[in-house]
ModelCIF file with pLDDT and N, C-alpha, C, O atoms, coordinates in Angstrom:
data_MODEL
#
_entry.id   MODEL 
#
_entity.id                         1 
_entity.type                       polymer 
_entity.pdbx_number_of_molecules   1 
#
_entity_poly.entity_id                      1 
_entity_poly.type                           'polypeptide(L)' 
_entity_poly.nstd_linkage                   no 
_entity_poly.nstd_monomer                   no 
_entity_poly.pdbx_seq_one_letter_code       SDRIVVRITSKPGETFVDRMIALVEGAAR 
_entity_poly.pdbx_seq_one_letter_code_can   SDRIVVRITSKPGETFVDRMIALVEGAAR 
_entity_poly.pdbx_strand_id                 A 
#
loop_
_entity_poly_seq.entity_id 
_entity_poly_seq.num 
_entity_poly_seq.mon_id 
_entity_poly_seq.hetero 
1 1  SER n 
1 2  ASP n 
1 3  ARG n 
1 4  ILE n 
1 5  VAL n 
1 6  VAL n 
1 7  ARG n 
1 8  ILE n 
1 9  THR n 
1 10 SER n 
1 11 LYS n 
1 12 PRO n 
1 13 GLY n 
1 14 GLU n 
1 15 THR n 
1 16 PHE n 
1 17 VAL n 
1 18 ASP n 
1 19 ARG n 
1 20 MET n 
1 21 ILE n 
1 22 ALA n 
1 23 LEU n 
1 24 VAL n 
1 25 GLU n 
1 26 GLY n 
1 27 ALA n 
1 28 ALA n 
1 29 ARG n 
#
_struct_asym.id          A 
_struct_asym.entity_id   1 
#
loop_
_ma_qa_metric.id 
_ma_qa_metric.mode 
_ma_qa_metric.name 
_ma_qa_metric.software_group_id 
_ma_qa_metric.type 
1 global pLDDT . pLDDT 
2 local  pLDDT . pLDDT 
#
_ma_qa_metric_global.metric_id      1 
_ma_qa_metric_global.metric_value   68.72 
_ma_qa_metric_global.model_id       1 
_ma_qa_metric_global.ordinal_id     1 
#
loop_
_ma_qa_metric_local.label_asym_id 
_ma_qa_metric_local.label_comp_id 
_ma_qa_metric_local.label_seq_id 
_ma_qa_metric_local.metric_id 
_ma_qa_metric_local.metric_value 
_ma_qa_metric_local.model_id 
_ma_qa_metric_local.ordinal_id 
A SER 1  2 81.00 1 1  
A ASP 2  2 82.00 1 2  
A ARG 3  2 85.00 1 3  
A ILE 4  2 88.00 1 4  
A VAL 5  2 88.00 1 5  
A VAL 6  2 88.00 1 6  
A ARG 7  2 87.00 1 7  
A ILE 8  2 86.00 1 8  
A THR 9  2 83.00 1 9  
A SER 10 2 76.00 1 10 
A LYS 11 2 72.00 1 11 
A PRO 12 2 66.00 1 12 
A GLY 13 2 63.00 1 13 
A GLU 14 2 65.00 1 14 
A THR 15 2 67.00 1 15 
A PHE 16 2 66.00 1 16 
A VAL 17 2 65.00 1 17 
A ASP 18 2 68.00 1 18 
A ARG 19 2 66.00 1 19 
A MET 20 2 63.00 1 20 
A ILE 21 2 64.00 1 21 
A ALA 22 2 64.00 1 22 
A LEU 23 2 60.00 1 23 
A VAL 24 2 57.00 1 24 
A GLU 25 2 58.00 1 25 
A GLY 26 2 54.00 1 26 
A ALA 27 2 41.00 1 27 
A ALA 28 2 42.00 1 28 
A ARG 29 2 48.00 1 29 
#
loop_
_atom_site.group_PDB 
_atom_site.id 
_atom_site.type_symbol 
_atom_site.label_atom_id 
_atom_site.label_alt_id 
_atom_site.label_comp_id 
_atom_site.label_asym_id 
_atom_site.label_entity_id 
_atom_site.label_seq_id 
_atom_site.pdbx_PDB_ins_code 
_atom_site.Cartn_x 
_atom_site.Cartn_y 
_atom_site.Cartn_z 
_atom_site.occupancy 
_atom_site.B_iso_or_equiv 
_atom_site.pdbx_formal_charge 
_atom_site.auth_seq_id 
_atom_site.auth_comp_id 
_atom_site.auth_asym_id 
_atom_site.auth_atom_id 
_atom_site.pdbx_PDB_model_num 
ATOM 1   N N  . SER A 1 1  ? 15.405 -9.102  57.737 1.00 81.00 ? 1  SER A N  1 
ATOM 2   C CA . SER A 1 1  ? 16.131 -9.506  58.945 1.00 81.00 ? 1  SER A CA 1 
ATOM 3   C C  . SER A 1 1  ? 17.443 -10.159 58.557 1.00 81.00 ? 1  SER A C  1 
ATOM 4   O O  . SER A 1 1  ? 17.601 -10.654 57.442 1.00 81.00 ? 1  SER A O  1 
ATOM 5   N N  . ASP A 1 2  ? 18.380 -10.155 59.492 1.00 82.00 ? 2  ASP A N  1 
ATOM 6   C CA . ASP A 1 2  ? 19.665 -10.838 59.341 1.00 82.00 ? 2  ASP A CA 1 
ATOM 7   C C  . ASP A 1 2  ? 20.515 -10.219 58.236 1.00 82.00 ? 2  ASP A C  1 
ATOM 8   O O  . ASP A 1 2  ? 20.295 -9.082  57.818 1.00 82.00 ? 2  ASP A O  1 
ATOM 9   N N  . ARG A 1 3  ? 21.479 -10.989 57.780 1.00 85.00 ? 3  ARG A N  1 
ATOM 10  C CA . ARG A 1 3  ? 22.457 -10.498 56.816 1.00 85.00 ? 3  ARG A CA 1 
ATOM 11  C C  . ARG A 1 3  ? 22.836 -11.617 55.858 1.00 85.00 ? 3  ARG A C  1 
ATOM 12  O O  . ARG A 1 3  ? 22.995 -12.768 56.266 1.00 85.00 ? 3  ARG A O  1 
ATOM 13  N N  . ILE A 1 4  ? 22.978 -11.277 54.590 1.00 88.00 ? 4  ILE A N  1 
ATOM 14  C CA . ILE A 1 4  ? 23.321 -12.286 53.582 1.00 88.00 ? 4  ILE A CA 1 
ATOM 15  C C  . ILE A 1 4  ? 24.418 -11.766 52.674 1.00 88.00 ? 4  ILE A C  1 
ATOM 16  O O  . ILE A 1 4  ? 24.622 -10.560 52.537 1.00 88.00 ? 4  ILE A O  1 
ATOM 17  N N  . VAL A 1 5  ? 25.120 -12.708 52.056 1.00 88.00 ? 5  VAL A N  1 
ATOM 18  C CA . VAL A 1 5  ? 26.122 -12.395 51.040 1.00 88.00 ? 5  VAL A CA 1 
ATOM 19  C C  . VAL A 1 5  ? 25.582 -12.923 49.713 1.00 88.00 ? 5  VAL A C  1 
ATOM 20  O O  . VAL A 1 5  ? 25.241 -14.101 49.604 1.00 88.00 ? 5  VAL A O  1 
ATOM 21  N N  . VAL A 1 6  ? 25.505 -12.061 48.714 1.00 88.00 ? 6  VAL A N  1 
ATOM 22  C CA . VAL A 1 6  ? 24.885 -12.397 47.429 1.00 88.00 ? 6  VAL A CA 1 
ATOM 23  C C  . VAL A 1 6  ? 25.901 -12.248 46.308 1.00 88.00 ? 6  VAL A C  1 
ATOM 24  O O  . VAL A 1 6  ? 26.618 -11.251 46.226 1.00 88.00 ? 6  VAL A O  1 
ATOM 25  N N  . ARG A 1 7  ? 25.951 -13.260 45.444 1.00 87.00 ? 7  ARG A N  1 
ATOM 26  C CA . ARG A 1 7  ? 26.765 -13.168 44.229 1.00 87.00 ? 7  ARG A CA 1 
ATOM 27  C C  . ARG A 1 7  ? 25.846 -12.789 43.071 1.00 87.00 ? 7  ARG A C  1 
ATOM 28  O O  . ARG A 1 7  ? 24.877 -13.493 42.787 1.00 87.00 ? 7  ARG A O  1 
ATOM 29  N N  . ILE A 1 8  ? 26.148 -11.682 42.408 1.00 86.00 ? 8  ILE A N  1 
ATOM 30  C CA . ILE A 1 8  ? 25.309 -11.155 41.327 1.00 86.00 ? 8  ILE A CA 1 
ATOM 31  C C  . ILE A 1 8  ? 25.377 -12.086 40.118 1.00 86.00 ? 8  ILE A C  1 
ATOM 32  O O  . ILE A 1 8  ? 26.459 -12.486 39.689 1.00 86.00 ? 8  ILE A O  1 
ATOM 33  N N  . THR A 1 9  ? 24.208 -12.425 39.578 1.00 83.00 ? 9  THR A N  1 
ATOM 34  C CA . THR A 1 9  ? 24.145 -13.360 38.443 1.00 83.00 ? 9  THR A CA 1 
ATOM 35  C C  . THR A 1 9  ? 23.531 -12.737 37.199 1.00 83.00 ? 9  THR A C  1 
ATOM 36  O O  . THR A 1 9  ? 23.249 -13.451 36.237 1.00 83.00 ? 9  THR A O  1 
ATOM 37  N N  . SER A 1 10 ? 23.315 -11.415 37.192 1.00 76.00 ? 10 SER A N  1 
ATOM 38  C CA . SER A 1 10 ? 22.707 -10.773 36.022 1.00 76.00 ? 10 SER A CA 1 
ATOM 39  C C  . SER A 1 10 ? 23.528 -9.552  35.614 1.00 76.00 ? 10 SER A C  1 
ATOM 40  O O  . SER A 1 10 ? 24.234 -8.946  36.419 1.00 76.00 ? 10 SER A O  1 
ATOM 41  N N  . LYS A 1 11 ? 23.405 -9.219  34.339 1.00 72.00 ? 11 LYS A N  1 
ATOM 42  C CA . LYS A 1 11 ? 24.052 -8.018  33.829 1.00 72.00 ? 11 LYS A CA 1 
ATOM 43  C C  . LYS A 1 11 ? 23.098 -6.835  33.989 1.00 72.00 ? 11 LYS A C  1 
ATOM 44  O O  . LYS A 1 11 ? 21.886 -7.034  34.064 1.00 72.00 ? 11 LYS A O  1 
ATOM 45  N N  . PRO A 1 12 ? 23.620 -5.610  34.042 1.00 66.00 ? 12 PRO A N  1 
ATOM 46  C CA . PRO A 1 12 ? 22.739 -4.442  34.139 1.00 66.00 ? 12 PRO A CA 1 
ATOM 47  C C  . PRO A 1 12 ? 21.757 -4.406  32.969 1.00 66.00 ? 12 PRO A C  1 
ATOM 48  O O  . PRO A 1 12 ? 22.147 -4.601  31.818 1.00 66.00 ? 12 PRO A O  1 
ATOM 49  N N  . GLY A 1 13 ? 20.484 -4.156  33.270 1.00 63.00 ? 13 GLY A N  1 
ATOM 50  C CA . GLY A 1 13 ? 19.465 -4.094  32.237 1.00 63.00 ? 13 GLY A CA 1 
ATOM 51  C C  . GLY A 1 13 ? 18.918 -5.436  31.810 1.00 63.00 ? 13 GLY A C  1 
ATOM 52  O O  . GLY A 1 13 ? 18.016 -5.497  30.974 1.00 63.00 ? 13 GLY A O  1 
ATOM 53  N N  . GLU A 1 14 ? 19.449 -6.526  32.372 1.00 65.00 ? 14 GLU A N  1 
ATOM 54  C CA . GLU A 1 14 ? 18.986 -7.864  32.000 1.00 65.00 ? 14 GLU A CA 1 
ATOM 55  C C  . GLU A 1 14 ? 18.515 -8.635  33.230 1.00 65.00 ? 14 GLU A C  1 
ATOM 56  O O  . GLU A 1 14 ? 18.598 -9.863  33.271 1.00 65.00 ? 14 GLU A O  1 
ATOM 57  N N  . THR A 1 15 ? 18.027 -7.914  34.221 1.00 67.00 ? 15 THR A N  1 
ATOM 58  C CA . THR A 1 15 ? 17.582 -8.568  35.444 1.00 67.00 ? 15 THR A CA 1 
ATOM 59  C C  . THR A 1 15 ? 16.217 -9.219  35.237 1.00 67.00 ? 15 THR A C  1 
ATOM 60  O O  . THR A 1 15 ? 15.551 -9.017  34.222 1.00 67.00 ? 15 THR A O  1 
ATOM 61  N N  . PHE A 1 16 ? 15.831 -10.002 36.230 1.00 66.00 ? 16 PHE A N  1 
ATOM 62  C CA . PHE A 1 16 ? 14.531 -10.673 36.181 1.00 66.00 ? 16 PHE A CA 1 
ATOM 63  C C  . PHE A 1 16 ? 13.405 -9.647  36.114 1.00 66.00 ? 16 PHE A C  1 
ATOM 64  O O  . PHE A 1 16 ? 12.421 -9.850  35.403 1.00 66.00 ? 16 PHE A O  1 
ATOM 65  N N  . VAL A 1 17 ? 13.545 -8.547  36.853 1.00 65.00 ? 17 VAL A N  1 
ATOM 66  C CA . VAL A 1 17 ? 12.517 -7.503  36.839 1.00 65.00 ? 17 VAL A CA 1 
ATOM 67  C C  . VAL A 1 17 ? 12.414 -6.877  35.451 1.00 65.00 ? 17 VAL A C  1 
ATOM 68  O O  . VAL A 1 17 ? 11.310 -6.612  34.976 1.00 65.00 ? 17 VAL A O  1 
ATOM 69  N N  . ASP A 1 18 ? 13.544 -6.640  34.799 1.00 68.00 ? 18 ASP A N  1 
ATOM 70  C CA . ASP A 1 18 ? 13.521 -6.077  33.444 1.00 68.00 ? 18 ASP A CA 1 
ATOM 71  C C  . ASP A 1 18 ? 12.749 -6.990  32.496 1.00 68.00 ? 18 ASP A C  1 
ATOM 72  O O  . ASP A 1 18 ? 11.943 -6.523  31.691 1.00 68.00 ? 18 ASP A O  1 
ATOM 73  N N  . ARG A 1 19 ? 12.998 -8.290  32.596 1.00 66.00 ? 19 ARG A N  1 
ATOM 74  C CA . ARG A 1 19 ? 12.279 -9.231  31.731 1.00 66.00 ? 19 ARG A CA 1 
ATOM 75  C C  . ARG A 1 19 ? 10.795 -9.276  32.083 1.00 66.00 ? 19 ARG A C  1 
ATOM 76  O O  . ARG A 1 19 ? 9.947  -9.390  31.198 1.00 66.00 ? 19 ARG A O  1 
ATOM 77  N N  . MET A 1 20 ? 10.481 -9.186  33.376 1.00 63.00 ? 20 MET A N  1 
ATOM 78  C CA . MET A 1 20 ? 9.077  -9.182  33.791 1.00 63.00 ? 20 MET A CA 1 
ATOM 79  C C  . MET A 1 20 ? 8.340  -7.980  33.215 1.00 63.00 ? 20 MET A C  1 
ATOM 80  O O  . MET A 1 20 ? 7.208  -8.109  32.749 1.00 63.00 ? 20 MET A O  1 
ATOM 81  N N  . ILE A 1 21 ? 8.977  -6.812  33.245 1.00 64.00 ? 21 ILE A N  1 
ATOM 82  C CA . ILE A 1 21 ? 8.336  -5.607  32.732 1.00 64.00 ? 21 ILE A CA 1 
ATOM 83  C C  . ILE A 1 21 ? 8.023  -5.766  31.252 1.00 64.00 ? 21 ILE A C  1 
ATOM 84  O O  . ILE A 1 21 ? 6.929  -5.426  30.801 1.00 64.00 ? 21 ILE A O  1 
ATOM 85  N N  . ALA A 1 22 ? 8.984  -6.282  30.502 1.00 64.00 ? 22 ALA A N  1 
ATOM 86  C CA . ALA A 1 22 ? 8.761  -6.490  29.068 1.00 64.00 ? 22 ALA A CA 1 
ATOM 87  C C  . ALA A 1 22 ? 7.637  -7.483  28.818 1.00 64.00 ? 22 ALA A C  1 
ATOM 88  O O  . ALA A 1 22 ? 6.856  -7.325  27.880 1.00 64.00 ? 22 ALA A O  1 
ATOM 89  N N  . LEU A 1 23 ? 7.560  -8.500  29.657 1.00 60.00 ? 23 LEU A N  1 
ATOM 90  C CA . LEU A 1 23 ? 6.540  -9.528  29.464 1.00 60.00 ? 23 LEU A CA 1 
ATOM 91  C C  . LEU A 1 23 ? 5.149  -9.020  29.795 1.00 60.00 ? 23 LEU A C  1 
ATOM 92  O O  . LEU A 1 23 ? 4.217  -9.219  29.015 1.00 60.00 ? 23 LEU A O  1 
ATOM 93  N N  . VAL A 1 24 ? 4.991  -8.362  30.951 1.00 57.00 ? 24 VAL A N  1 
ATOM 94  C CA . VAL A 1 24 ? 3.651  -7.934  31.349 1.00 57.00 ? 24 VAL A CA 1 
ATOM 95  C C  . VAL A 1 24 ? 3.137  -6.800  30.479 1.00 57.00 ? 24 VAL A C  1 
ATOM 96  O O  . VAL A 1 24 ? 1.925  -6.623  30.358 1.00 57.00 ? 24 VAL A O  1 
ATOM 97  N N  . GLU A 1 25 ? 4.033  -6.025  29.868 1.00 58.00 ? 25 GLU A N  1 
ATOM 98  C CA . GLU A 1 25 ? 3.598  -4.970  28.952 1.00 58.00 ? 25 GLU A CA 1 
ATOM 99  C C  . GLU A 1 25 ? 3.321  -5.508  27.560 1.00 58.00 ? 25 GLU A C  1 
ATOM 100 O O  . GLU A 1 25 ? 2.761  -4.804  26.718 1.00 58.00 ? 25 GLU A O  1 
ATOM 101 N N  . GLY A 1 26 ? 3.711  -6.756  27.313 1.00 54.00 ? 26 GLY A N  1 
ATOM 102 C CA . GLY A 1 26 ? 3.464  -7.345  26.003 1.00 54.00 ? 26 GLY A CA 1 
ATOM 103 C C  . GLY A 1 26 ? 4.545  -7.047  24.992 1.00 54.00 ? 26 GLY A C  1 
ATOM 104 O O  . GLY A 1 26 ? 4.461  -7.506  23.853 1.00 54.00 ? 26 GLY A O  1 
ATOM 105 N N  . ALA A 1 27 ? 5.576  -6.277  25.382 1.00 41.00 ? 27 ALA A N  1 
ATOM 106 C CA . ALA A 1 27 ? 6.604  -5.910  24.420 1.00 41.00 ? 27 ALA A CA 1 
ATOM 107 C C  . ALA A 1 27 ? 7.400  -7.111  23.943 1.00 41.00 ? 27 ALA A C  1 
ATOM 108 O O  . ALA A 1 27 ? 7.908  -7.125  22.821 1.00 41.00 ? 27 ALA A O  1 
ATOM 109 N N  . ALA A 1 28 ? 7.507  -8.123  24.803 1.00 42.00 ? 28 ALA A N  1 
ATOM 110 C CA . ALA A 1 28 ? 8.313  -9.288  24.447 1.00 42.00 ? 28 ALA A CA 1 
ATOM 111 C C  . ALA A 1 28 ? 7.466  -10.439 23.918 1.00 42.00 ? 28 ALA A C  1 
ATOM 112 O O  . ALA A 1 28 ? 7.978  -11.532 23.677 1.00 42.00 ? 28 ALA A O  1 
ATOM 113 N N  . ARG A 1 29 ? 6.148  -10.191 23.733 1.00 48.00 ? 29 ARG A N  1 
ATOM 114 C CA . ARG A 1 29 ? 5.288  -11.281 23.276 1.00 48.00 ? 29 ARG A CA 1 
ATOM 115 C C  . ARG A 1 29 ? 5.528  -11.581 21.809 1.00 48.00 ? 29 ARG A C  1 
ATOM 116 O O  . ARG A 1 29 ? 4.891  -12.472 21.249 1.00 48.00 ? 29 ARG A O  1 
#
């Protein structure tokens, strides 16, 4: 709902989701 303005704080390939994937797969352990 509604509308927001977002300032990007991550570089491509270094997002929170990218880090989560590495962590849950154990690759970054």
